[in-house]
Amino acid sequence: MAALVAARAAPGFPVYKGAGAGETCTAWGTYALTSTITAVAPDTIDFCRLPAGARVIGGFFQGQDIDAGTGVFEMDIGYPTNGSDVADPDAFLNSGAINGTALTNYFAVSGFQLPFSGMLATGPILLARETIVQGTVIVAPNSFAAARLTVDVHYLCE
């Protein structure tokens, strides 16, 4: 299992904490998978960090068509335990098979853009402590193609 870390999730990268009072903020991270850095289950990618008190209200998982063969690639988006909140690896998205086909994966060109759903279907998620937003590979691509994967998370500063 590989634990990959995008630049914006690295320790020491500043976490934006807005002024509060319901200010909407965005955290994002991108990771480039290449012929030497691939994605196999149960690899994880730390995309970005959220500040303590972030109330997640939505976001997207997007990228290029990572699966050159029959689309089976699946990655869930959630968070590991942060010392207060219990880990929930698919809190934001349980992607199902991502086939990179126009329209079936929301994005109308080759690739995908999937809106967060998961636990957000029951309302915003409040995180008590600084939290890593993490992707977990559930099913590896059938025929891997190099791709950039991006997560952007919309949250309120409380």
Protein backbone atom coordinates (compact mmCIF):
# COMPACT_ATOMS: atom_id res chain seq x y z
CA MET A 1 0.00 0.00 0.00
CA ALA A 2 1.35 3.38 -0.99
CA ALA A 3 0.47 6.54 0.93
CA LEU A 4 0.88 9.39 -1.57
CA VAL A 5 0.81 13.02 -0.46
CA ALA A 6 -0.01 15.99 -2.68
CA ALA A 7 1.89 19.23 -2.03
CA ARG A 8 -1.14 20.95 -0.47
CA ALA A 9 -1.56 18.13 2.06
CA ALA A 10 2.06 18.01 3.16
CA PRO A 11 2.89 18.73 6.79
CA GLY A 12 3.77 22.38 7.13
CA PHE A 13 1.68 23.54 4.16
CA PRO A 14 -0.44 26.40 5.53
CA VAL A 15 -4.11 25.60 6.10
CA TYR A 16 -6.46 28.47 5.29
CA LYS A 17 -8.75 29.42 8.14
CA GLY A 18 -11.13 32.15 7.07
CA ALA A 19 -12.48 35.01 9.12
CA GLY A 20 -15.44 32.94 10.32
CA ALA A 21 -19.10 33.94 10.47
CA GLY A 22 -20.02 31.61 7.63
CA GLU A 23 -17.30 32.62 5.16
CA THR A 24 -17.17 30.07 2.31
CA CYS A 25 -13.70 28.69 1.70
CA THR A 26 -12.15 26.19 -0.68
CA ALA A 27 -9.30 23.77 -0.11
CA TRP A 28 -7.91 21.81 -3.02
CA GLY A 29 -5.14 19.44 -3.98
CA THR A 30 -3.88 17.80 -7.16
CA TYR A 31 -1.81 14.66 -7.59
CA ALA A 32 -0.25 13.50 -10.86
CA LEU A 33 -0.14 9.76 -11.39
CA THR A 34 2.50 8.65 -13.91
CA SER A 35 3.85 5.45 -15.37
CA THR A 36 6.04 5.09 -12.27
CA ILE A 37 3.44 6.28 -9.72
CA THR A 38 0.25 4.32 -10.29
CA ALA A 39 -2.88 3.73 -8.24
CA VAL A 40 -3.66 0.28 -6.85
CA ALA A 41 -5.96 -0.75 -4.00
CA PRO A 42 -5.67 0.18 -1.13
CA ASP A 43 -3.35 3.11 -1.96
CA THR A 44 -4.28 6.48 -0.50
CA ILE A 45 -3.69 10.02 -1.73
CA ASP A 46 -3.75 12.90 0.74
CA PHE A 47 -5.08 15.78 -1.37
CA CYS A 48 -5.38 18.74 1.03
CA ARG A 49 -6.03 19.80 4.63
CA LEU A 50 -9.03 21.45 6.24
CA PRO A 51 -8.77 23.65 9.34
CA ALA A 52 -10.28 22.77 12.70
CA GLY A 53 -13.94 23.78 12.72
CA ALA A 54 -14.42 23.41 8.95
CA ARG A 55 -18.03 22.61 8.04
CA VAL A 56 -17.87 20.81 4.67
CA ILE A 57 -20.79 21.72 2.41
CA GLY A 58 -19.70 20.23 -0.92
CA GLY A 59 -16.93 19.73 -3.43
CA PHE A 60 -15.76 17.81 -6.48
CA PHE A 61 -13.44 14.99 -7.48
CA GLN A 62 -12.16 15.49 -11.00
CA GLY A 63 -9.50 14.25 -13.35
CA GLN A 64 -8.43 12.93 -16.66
CA ASP A 65 -9.49 9.50 -17.92
CA ILE A 66 -7.22 7.34 -15.79
CA ASP A 67 -8.52 4.02 -17.13
CA ALA A 68 -7.60 3.49 -20.79
CA GLY A 69 -9.37 0.12 -20.86
CA THR A 70 -12.88 -0.75 -19.72
CA GLY A 71 -13.51 1.73 -16.92
CA VAL A 72 -13.37 0.12 -13.48
CA PHE A 73 -11.27 2.65 -11.53
CA GLU A 74 -12.89 3.56 -8.23
CA MET A 75 -11.69 6.02 -5.60
CA ASP A 76 -13.54 7.07 -2.49
CA ILE A 77 -12.98 10.50 -0.96
CA GLY A 78 -13.17 11.06 2.78
CA TYR A 79 -10.84 11.55 5.72
CA PRO A 80 -8.72 9.54 8.16
CA THR A 81 -9.14 10.01 11.89
CA ASN A 82 -7.92 13.39 13.08
CA GLY A 83 -7.71 12.61 16.79
CA SER A 84 -11.31 13.68 17.39
CA ASP A 85 -13.50 12.71 14.44
CA VAL A 86 -13.71 9.03 13.52
CA ALA A 87 -12.25 8.14 10.11
CA ASP A 88 -14.78 8.04 7.28
CA PRO A 89 -13.01 7.07 4.03
CA ASP A 90 -16.07 7.73 1.83
CA ALA A 91 -17.70 10.59 3.75
CA PHE A 92 -17.63 12.86 0.69
CA LEU A 93 -17.78 10.44 -2.24
CA ASN A 94 -18.18 6.75 -3.02
CA SER A 95 -17.40 7.09 -6.72
CA GLY A 96 -18.36 3.69 -8.07
CA ALA A 97 -16.63 2.75 -11.35
CA ILE A 98 -15.31 5.84 -13.15
CA ASN A 99 -15.21 5.13 -16.85
CA GLY A 100 -14.20 8.58 -18.13
CA THR A 101 -16.99 8.59 -20.70
CA ALA A 102 -18.63 11.88 -21.59
CA LEU A 103 -21.84 12.63 -19.66
CA THR A 104 -21.91 9.36 -17.72
CA ASN A 105 -19.31 10.81 -15.37
CA TYR A 106 -20.84 14.29 -15.17
CA PHE A 107 -18.03 15.97 -17.09
CA ALA A 108 -18.99 16.43 -20.73
CA VAL A 109 -15.54 15.66 -22.15
CA SER A 110 -13.07 12.83 -21.71
CA GLY A 111 -12.40 12.60 -18.02
CA PHE A 112 -14.67 13.07 -15.04
CA GLN A 113 -15.98 15.59 -12.55
CA LEU A 114 -18.02 14.09 -9.76
CA PRO A 115 -19.82 16.19 -7.15
CA PHE A 116 -19.48 15.15 -3.53
CA SER A 117 -22.38 13.24 -2.04
CA GLY A 118 -21.81 10.54 0.58
CA MET A 119 -22.60 11.68 4.12
CA LEU A 120 -23.22 15.21 2.80
CA ALA A 121 -26.61 13.94 1.63
CA THR A 122 -27.73 14.28 5.27
CA GLY A 123 -26.21 17.75 5.72
CA PRO A 124 -22.85 19.47 6.18
CA ILE A 125 -20.05 17.66 7.99
CA LEU A 126 -18.35 19.52 10.86
CA LEU A 127 -14.74 18.52 11.56
CA ALA A 128 -13.48 19.30 15.06
CA ARG A 129 -9.75 19.27 14.26
CA GLU A 130 -7.47 19.93 11.31
CA THR A 131 -8.25 17.13 8.86
CA ILE A 132 -6.64 15.58 5.79
CA VAL A 133 -8.93 15.03 2.78
CA GLN A 134 -7.92 11.64 1.46
CA GLY A 135 -8.71 9.48 -1.55
CA THR A 136 -8.61 5.70 -1.22
CA VAL A 137 -8.24 3.49 -4.28
CA ILE A 138 -10.95 0.82 -4.11
CA VAL A 139 -10.43 -0.66 -7.59
CA ALA A 140 -7.29 -0.04 -9.64
CA PRO A 141 -7.61 1.05 -13.27
CA ASN A 142 -8.05 -1.81 -15.72
CA SER A 143 -5.51 -0.30 -18.11
CA PHE A 144 -3.68 2.55 -16.39
CA ALA A 145 -3.17 5.86 -18.19
CA ALA A 146 -1.21 8.69 -16.58
CA ALA A 147 -3.57 11.31 -15.18
CA ARG A 148 -3.90 14.24 -12.80
CA LEU A 149 -6.52 13.85 -10.07
CA THR A 150 -7.90 16.88 -8.21
CA VAL A 151 -10.14 17.29 -5.20
CA ASP A 152 -11.68 20.61 -4.23
CA VAL A 153 -13.59 20.93 -0.97
CA HIS A 154 -16.05 23.73 -0.15
CA TYR A 155 -16.41 24.50 3.54
CA LEU A 156 -17.67 27.15 5.92
CA CYS A 157 -15.38 28.66 8.52
CA GLU A 158 -17.07 28.50 11.89
